[in-house]
PDB file of N, CA and C in Angstrom:
ATOM      1  N   UNK A   1      -0.679 -22.600  14.169  1.00  0.00           N
ATOM      2  CA  UNK A   1       0.642 -22.135  13.785  1.00  0.00           C
ATOM      3  C   UNK A   1       1.000 -20.848  14.517  1.00  0.00           C
ATOM      4  N   UNK A   2       0.050 -19.926  14.629  1.00  0.00           N
ATOM      5  CA  UNK A   2       0.330 -18.652  15.290  1.00  0.00           C
ATOM      6  C   UNK A   2       0.642 -18.874  16.760  1.00  0.00           C
ATOM      7  N   UNK A   3      -0.085 -19.786  17.417  1.00  0.00           N
ATOM      8  CA  UNK A   3       0.165 -20.057  18.829  1.00  0.00           C
ATOM      9  C   UNK A   3       1.581 -20.571  19.034  1.00  0.00           C
ATOM     10  N   UNK A   4       2.022 -21.497  18.197  1.00  0.00           N
ATOM     11  CA  UNK A   4       3.386 -22.033  18.281  1.00  0.00           C
ATOM     12  C   UNK A   4       4.405 -20.923  18.067  1.00  0.00           C
ATOM     13  N   UNK A   5       4.137 -20.050  17.110  1.00  0.00           N
ATOM     14  CA  UNK A   5       5.037 -18.935  16.801  1.00  0.00           C
ATOM     15  C   UNK A   5       5.154 -18.000  17.993  1.00  0.00           C
ATOM     16  N   UNK A   6       4.015 -17.644  18.617  1.00  0.00           N
ATOM     17  CA  UNK A   6       4.040 -16.734  19.762  1.00  0.00           C
ATOM     18  C   UNK A   6       4.735 -17.361  20.962  1.00  0.00           C
ATOM     19  N   UNK A   7       4.482 -18.639  21.235  1.00  0.00           N
ATOM     20  CA  UNK A   7       5.157 -19.314  22.343  1.00  0.00           C
ATOM     21  C   UNK A   7       6.668 -19.323  22.126  1.00  0.00           C
ATOM     22  N   UNK A   8       7.103 -19.522  20.900  1.00  0.00           N
ATOM     23  CA  UNK A   8       8.524 -19.564  20.596  1.00  0.00           C
ATOM     24  C   UNK A   8       9.225 -18.240  20.803  1.00  0.00           C
ATOM     25  N   UNK A   9       8.497 -17.137  20.681  1.00  0.00           N
ATOM     26  CA  UNK A   9       9.112 -15.824  20.840  1.00  0.00           C
ATOM     27  C   UNK A   9       9.514 -15.537  22.274  1.00  0.00           C
ATOM     28  N   UNK A  10       8.796 -16.124  23.228  1.00  0.00           N
ATOM     29  CA  UNK A  10       8.997 -15.762  24.618  1.00  0.00           C
ATOM     30  C   UNK A  10       9.582 -16.891  25.447  1.00  0.00           C
ATOM     31  N   UNK A  11      10.324 -17.776  24.830  1.00  0.00           N
ATOM     32  CA  UNK A  11      11.017 -18.812  25.570  1.00  0.00           C
ATOM     33  C   UNK A  11      12.236 -18.206  26.235  1.00  0.00           C
ATOM     34  N   UNK A  12      12.819 -18.932  27.166  1.00  0.00           N
ATOM     35  CA  UNK A  12      13.972 -18.421  27.899  1.00  0.00           C
ATOM     36  C   UNK A  12      15.291 -18.757  27.222  1.00  0.00           C
ATOM     37  N   UNK A  13      15.254 -19.224  26.009  1.00  0.00           N
ATOM     38  CA  UNK A  13      16.477 -19.519  25.281  1.00  0.00           C
ATOM     39  C   UNK A  13      17.184 -18.225  24.910  1.00  0.00           C
ATOM     40  N   UNK A  14      18.504 -18.305  24.760  1.00  0.00           N
ATOM     41  CA  UNK A  14      19.276 -17.125  24.385  1.00  0.00           C
ATOM     42  C   UNK A  14      18.923 -16.654  22.987  1.00  0.00           C
ATOM     43  N   UNK A  15      18.884 -17.552  22.034  1.00  0.00           N
ATOM     44  CA  UNK A  15      18.539 -17.203  20.655  1.00  0.00           C
ATOM     45  C   UNK A  15      17.502 -18.199  20.169  1.00  0.00           C
ATOM     46  N   UNK A  16      16.438 -17.676  19.606  1.00  0.00           N
ATOM     47  CA  UNK A  16      15.394 -18.550  19.074  1.00  0.00           C
ATOM     48  C   UNK A  16      14.911 -17.974  17.758  1.00  0.00           C
ATOM     49  N   UNK A  17      14.840 -18.797  16.755  1.00  0.00           N
ATOM     50  CA  UNK A  17      14.299 -18.339  15.473  1.00  0.00           C
ATOM     51  C   UNK A  17      13.164 -19.266  15.072  1.00  0.00           C
ATOM     52  N   UNK A  18      12.270 -18.769  14.274  1.00  0.00           N
ATOM     53  CA  UNK A  18      11.183 -19.581  13.749  1.00  0.00           C
ATOM     54  C   UNK A  18      11.318 -19.655  12.245  1.00  0.00           C
ATOM     55  N   UNK A  19      10.545 -20.521  11.657  1.00  0.00           N
ATOM     56  CA  UNK A  19      10.539 -20.612  10.204  1.00  0.00           C
ATOM     57  C   UNK A  19       9.993 -19.323   9.614  1.00  0.00           C
ATOM     58  N   UNK A  20      10.343 -19.088   8.369  1.00  0.00           N
ATOM     59  CA  UNK A  20       9.826 -17.912   7.672  1.00  0.00           C
ATOM     60  C   UNK A  20       8.315 -18.029   7.581  1.00  0.00           C
ATOM     61  N   UNK A  21       7.645 -16.955   7.903  1.00  0.00           N
ATOM     62  CA  UNK A  21       6.183 -16.926   7.819  1.00  0.00           C
ATOM     63  C   UNK A  21       5.752 -16.856   6.360  1.00  0.00           C
ATOM     64  N   UNK A  22       4.489 -17.111   6.140  1.00  0.00           N
ATOM     65  CA  UNK A  22       3.965 -17.003   4.789  1.00  0.00           C
ATOM     66  C   UNK A  22       4.046 -15.561   4.314  1.00  0.00           C
ATOM     67  N   UNK A  23       4.128 -15.400   3.014  1.00  0.00           N
ATOM     68  CA  UNK A  23       4.128 -14.058   2.421  1.00  0.00           C
ATOM     69  C   UNK A  23       2.795 -13.382   2.682  1.00  0.00           C
ATOM     70  N   UNK A  24       2.854 -12.079   2.905  1.00  0.00           N
ATOM     71  CA  UNK A  24       1.649 -11.271   3.049  1.00  0.00           C
ATOM     72  C   UNK A  24       1.707 -10.203   1.976  1.00  0.00           C
ATOM     73  N   UNK A  25       0.629 -10.025   1.254  1.00  0.00           N
ATOM     74  CA  UNK A  25       0.571  -8.968   0.247  1.00  0.00           C
ATOM     75  C   UNK A  25      -0.370  -7.885   0.738  1.00  0.00           C
ATOM     76  N   UNK A  26       0.092  -6.630   0.664  1.00  0.00           N
ATOM     77  CA  UNK A  26      -0.688  -5.495   1.146  1.00  0.00           C
ATOM     78  C   UNK A  26      -0.434  -4.300   0.253  1.00  0.00           C
ATOM     79  N   UNK A  27      -1.454  -3.824  -0.415  1.00  0.00           N
ATOM     80  CA  UNK A  27      -1.387  -2.650  -1.286  1.00  0.00           C
ATOM     81  C   UNK A  27      -0.185  -2.687  -2.233  1.00  0.00           C
ATOM     82  N   UNK A  28       0.035  -3.838  -2.850  1.00  0.00           N
ATOM     83  CA  UNK A  28       1.109  -3.971  -3.827  1.00  0.00           C
ATOM     84  C   UNK A  28       2.456  -4.349  -3.241  1.00  0.00           C
ATOM     85  N   UNK A  29       2.576  -4.393  -1.921  1.00  0.00           N
ATOM     86  CA  UNK A  29       3.819  -4.789  -1.262  1.00  0.00           C
ATOM     87  C   UNK A  29       3.746  -6.260  -0.894  1.00  0.00           C
ATOM     88  N   UNK A  30       4.863  -6.951  -0.991  1.00  0.00           N
ATOM     89  CA  UNK A  30       4.973  -8.325  -0.520  1.00  0.00           C
ATOM     90  C   UNK A  30       5.884  -8.306   0.697  1.00  0.00           C
ATOM     91  N   UNK A  31       5.400  -8.827   1.812  1.00  0.00           N
ATOM     92  CA  UNK A  31       6.146  -8.785   3.070  1.00  0.00           C
ATOM     93  C   UNK A  31       6.388 -10.214   3.536  1.00  0.00           C
ATOM     94  N   UNK A  32       7.648 -10.542   3.806  1.00  0.00           N
ATOM     95  CA  UNK A  32       8.026 -11.830   4.375  1.00  0.00           C
ATOM     96  C   UNK A  32       8.791 -11.521   5.653  1.00  0.00           C
ATOM     97  N   UNK A  33       8.255 -11.954   6.793  1.00  0.00           N
ATOM     98  CA  UNK A  33       8.868 -11.614   8.082  1.00  0.00           C
ATOM     99  C   UNK A  33       9.344 -12.866   8.807  1.00  0.00           C
ATOM    100  N   UNK A  34      10.347 -12.689   9.667  1.00  0.00           N
ATOM    101  CA  UNK A  34      10.865 -13.741  10.535  1.00  0.00           C
ATOM    102  C   UNK A  34      10.896 -13.181  11.952  1.00  0.00           C
ATOM    103  N   UNK A  35      10.448 -13.959  12.891  1.00  0.00           N
ATOM    104  CA  UNK A  35      10.476 -13.520  14.290  1.00  0.00           C
ATOM    105  C   UNK A  35      11.676 -14.140  14.994  1.00  0.00           C
ATOM    106  N   UNK A  36      12.290 -13.366  15.887  1.00  0.00           N
ATOM    107  CA  UNK A  36      13.443 -13.857  16.640  1.00  0.00           C
ATOM    108  C   UNK A  36      13.393 -13.295  18.048  1.00  0.00           C
ATOM    109  N   UNK A  37      13.737 -14.122  19.020  1.00  0.00           N
ATOM    110  CA  UNK A  37      13.939 -13.652  20.378  1.00  0.00           C
ATOM    111  C   UNK A  37      15.424 -13.761  20.660  1.00  0.00           C
ATOM    112  N   UNK A  38      16.031 -12.701  21.124  1.00  0.00           N
ATOM    113  CA  UNK A  38      17.479 -12.722  21.298  1.00  0.00           C
ATOM    114  C   UNK A  38      17.876 -11.882  22.501  1.00  0.00           C
ATOM    115  N   UNK A  39      18.367 -12.519  23.558  1.00  0.00           N
ATOM    116  CA  UNK A  39      18.894 -11.859  24.749  1.00  0.00           C
ATOM    117  C   UNK A  39      17.974 -10.756  25.257  1.00  0.00           C
ATOM    118  N   UNK A  40      16.721 -11.111  25.537  1.00  0.00           N
ATOM    119  CA  UNK A  40      15.795 -10.150  26.112  1.00  0.00           C
ATOM    120  C   UNK A  40      15.175  -9.190  25.129  1.00  0.00           C
ATOM    121  N   UNK A  41      15.403  -9.387  23.859  1.00  0.00           N
ATOM    122  CA  UNK A  41      14.806  -8.509  22.860  1.00  0.00           C
ATOM    123  C   UNK A  41      13.844  -9.302  21.990  1.00  0.00           C
ATOM    124  N   UNK A  42      12.781  -8.644  21.601  1.00  0.00           N
ATOM    125  CA  UNK A  42      11.839  -9.196  20.631  1.00  0.00           C
ATOM    126  C   UNK A  42      12.215  -8.582  19.297  1.00  0.00           C
ATOM    127  N   UNK A  43      12.503  -9.398  18.314  1.00  0.00           N
ATOM    128  CA  UNK A  43      12.926  -8.877  17.012  1.00  0.00           C
ATOM    129  C   UNK A  43      12.079  -9.455  15.896  1.00  0.00           C
ATOM    130  N   UNK A  44      11.777  -8.620  14.953  1.00  0.00           N
ATOM    131  CA  UNK A  44      11.144  -9.061  13.713  1.00  0.00           C
ATOM    132  C   UNK A  44      12.018  -8.546  12.584  1.00  0.00           C
ATOM    133  N   UNK A  45      12.463  -9.442  11.738  1.00  0.00           N
ATOM    134  CA  UNK A  45      13.280  -9.066  10.586  1.00  0.00           C
ATOM    135  C   UNK A  45      12.614  -9.635   9.348  1.00  0.00           C
ATOM    136  N   UNK A  46      12.884  -9.035   8.224  1.00  0.00           N
ATOM    137  CA  UNK A  46      12.293  -9.566   7.006  1.00  0.00           C
ATOM    138  C   UNK A  46      12.595  -8.736   5.787  1.00  0.00           C
ATOM    139  N   UNK A  47      11.806  -8.957   4.770  1.00  0.00           N
ATOM    140  CA  UNK A  47      11.987  -8.296   3.486  1.00  0.00           C
ATOM    141  C   UNK A  47      10.656  -7.733   3.014  1.00  0.00           C
ATOM    142  N   UNK A  48      10.690  -6.499   2.539  1.00  0.00           N
ATOM    143  CA  UNK A  48       9.533  -5.878   1.906  1.00  0.00           C
ATOM    144  C   UNK A  48       9.918  -5.630   0.457  1.00  0.00           C
ATOM    145  N   UNK A  49       9.079  -6.060  -0.472  1.00  0.00           N
ATOM    146  CA  UNK A  49       9.397  -5.839  -1.883  1.00  0.00           C
ATOM    147  C   UNK A  49       8.183  -5.302  -2.626  1.00  0.00           C
ATOM    148  N   UNK A  50       8.473  -4.474  -3.626  1.00  0.00           N
ATOM    149  CA  UNK A  50       7.435  -3.931  -4.495  1.00  0.00           C
ATOM    150  C   UNK A  50       8.070  -3.645  -5.841  1.00  0.00           C
ATOM    151  N   UNK A  51       7.479  -4.169  -6.880  1.00  0.00           N
ATOM    152  CA  UNK A  51       7.928  -3.962  -8.250  1.00  0.00           C
ATOM    153  C   UNK A  51       9.419  -4.255  -8.421  1.00  0.00           C
ATOM    154  N   UNK A  52       9.875  -5.365  -7.843  1.00  0.00           N
ATOM    155  CA  UNK A  52      11.255  -5.790  -8.019  1.00  0.00           C
ATOM    156  C   UNK A  52      12.263  -5.153  -7.082  1.00  0.00           C
ATOM    157  N   UNK A  53      11.884  -4.137  -6.328  1.00  0.00           N
ATOM    158  CA  UNK A  53      12.797  -3.511  -5.371  1.00  0.00           C
ATOM    159  C   UNK A  53      12.583  -4.141  -4.000  1.00  0.00           C
ATOM    160  N   UNK A  54      13.682  -4.530  -3.348  1.00  0.00           N
ATOM    161  CA  UNK A  54      13.591  -5.169  -2.041  1.00  0.00           C
ATOM    162  C   UNK A  54      14.251  -4.313  -0.981  1.00  0.00           C
ATOM    163  N   UNK A  55      13.642  -4.291   0.187  1.00  0.00           N
ATOM    164  CA  UNK A  55      14.189  -3.576   1.334  1.00  0.00           C
ATOM    165  C   UNK A  55      14.199  -4.521   2.525  1.00  0.00           C
ATOM    166  N   UNK A  56      15.357  -4.670   3.155  1.00  0.00           N
ATOM    167  CA  UNK A  56      15.463  -5.475   4.371  1.00  0.00           C
ATOM    168  C   UNK A  56      15.080  -4.597   5.558  1.00  0.00           C
ATOM    169  N   UNK A  57      14.437  -5.199   6.549  1.00  0.00           N
ATOM    170  CA  UNK A  57      14.113  -4.431   7.743  1.00  0.00           C
ATOM    171  C   UNK A  57      14.333  -5.278   8.980  1.00  0.00           C
ATOM    172  N   UNK A  58      14.566  -4.598  10.103  1.00  0.00           N
ATOM    173  CA  UNK A  58      14.632  -5.248  11.406  1.00  0.00           C
ATOM    174  C   UNK A  58      14.026  -4.291  12.412  1.00  0.00           C
ATOM    175  N   UNK A  59      13.232  -4.832  13.268  1.00  0.00           N
ATOM    176  CA  UNK A  59      12.605  -4.032  14.314  1.00  0.00           C
ATOM    177  C   UNK A  59      12.833  -4.779  15.623  1.00  0.00           C
ATOM    178  N   UNK A  60      13.312  -4.098  16.660  1.00  0.00           N
ATOM    179  CA  UNK A  60      13.516  -4.773  17.937  1.00  0.00           C
ATOM    180  C   UNK A  60      13.034  -3.890  19.078  1.00  0.00           C
ATOM    181  N   UNK A  61      12.516  -4.518  20.086  1.00  0.00           N
ATOM    182  CA  UNK A  61      12.077  -3.855  21.306  1.00  0.00           C
ATOM    183  C   UNK A  61      12.539  -4.691  22.486  1.00  0.00           C
ATOM    184  N   UNK A  62      12.804  -4.045  23.602  1.00  0.00           N
ATOM    185  CA  UNK A  62      13.182  -4.783  24.796  1.00  0.00           C
ATOM    186  C   UNK A  62      11.959  -5.460  25.383  1.00  0.00           C
ATOM    187  N   UNK A  63      12.123  -6.713  25.776  1.00  0.00           N
ATOM    188  CA  UNK A  63      11.048  -7.433  26.450  1.00  0.00           C
ATOM    189  C   UNK A  63      11.169  -7.174  27.947  1.00  0.00           C
ATOM    190  N   UNK A  64      10.059  -7.166  28.670  1.00  0.00           N
ATOM    191  CA  UNK A  64      10.154  -7.017  30.124  1.00  0.00           C
ATOM    192  C   UNK A  64      10.834  -8.233  30.723  1.00  0.00           C
ATOM    193  N   UNK A  65      11.522  -8.034  31.823  1.00  0.00           N
ATOM    194  CA  UNK A  65      12.181  -9.139  32.515  1.00  0.00           C
ATOM    195  C   UNK A  65      11.118  -9.888  33.310  1.00  0.00           C
ATOM    196  N   UNK A  66      10.643 -10.992  32.777  1.00  0.00           N
ATOM    197  CA  UNK A  66       9.546 -11.717  33.413  1.00  0.00           C
ATOM    198  C   UNK A  66       9.975 -12.435  34.681  1.00  0.00           C
ATOM    199  N   UNK A  67      11.270 -12.605  34.903  1.00  0.00           N
ATOM    200  CA  UNK A  67      11.721 -13.299  36.108  1.00  0.00           C
ATOM    201  C   UNK A  67      11.621 -12.414  37.338  1.00  0.00           C
ATOM    202  N   UNK A  68      11.643 -11.089  37.184  1.00  0.00           N
ATOM    203  CA  UNK A  68      11.566 -10.188  38.338  1.00  0.00           C
ATOM    204  C   UNK A  68      10.319  -9.320  38.326  1.00  0.00           C
ATOM    205  N   UNK A  69       9.456  -9.477  37.338  1.00  0.00           N
ATOM    206  CA  UNK A  69       8.287  -8.607  37.210  1.00  0.00           C
ATOM    207  C   UNK A  69       7.288  -8.792  38.347  1.00  0.00           C
ATOM    208  N   UNK A  70       7.217  -9.980  38.936  1.00  0.00           N
ATOM    209  CA  UNK A  70       6.225 -10.247  39.979  1.00  0.00           C
ATOM    210  C   UNK A  70       6.811 -10.248  41.380  1.00  0.00           C
ATOM    211  N   UNK A  71       7.971  -9.671  41.573  1.00  0.00           N
ATOM    212  CA  UNK A  71       8.580  -9.677  42.910  1.00  0.00           C
ATOM    213  C   UNK A  71       8.353  -8.377  43.616  1.00  0.00           C
TER     214      UNK A  71
END
């Protein structure tokens, strides 16, 4: 599953989304993340919740241009 998820992030499609990942619990927090590749950006969006309070988050970074990286 992880291999499929990683391959999907770096396709040359303009917008790509994957299914919601399984919940992860860490020190009382429940984290549900979604990965997205969008116009040269790597994005992870999701929800963090603890004791009934939910916070939405999005994190994005520019991906290197793989079409010109080896020229």
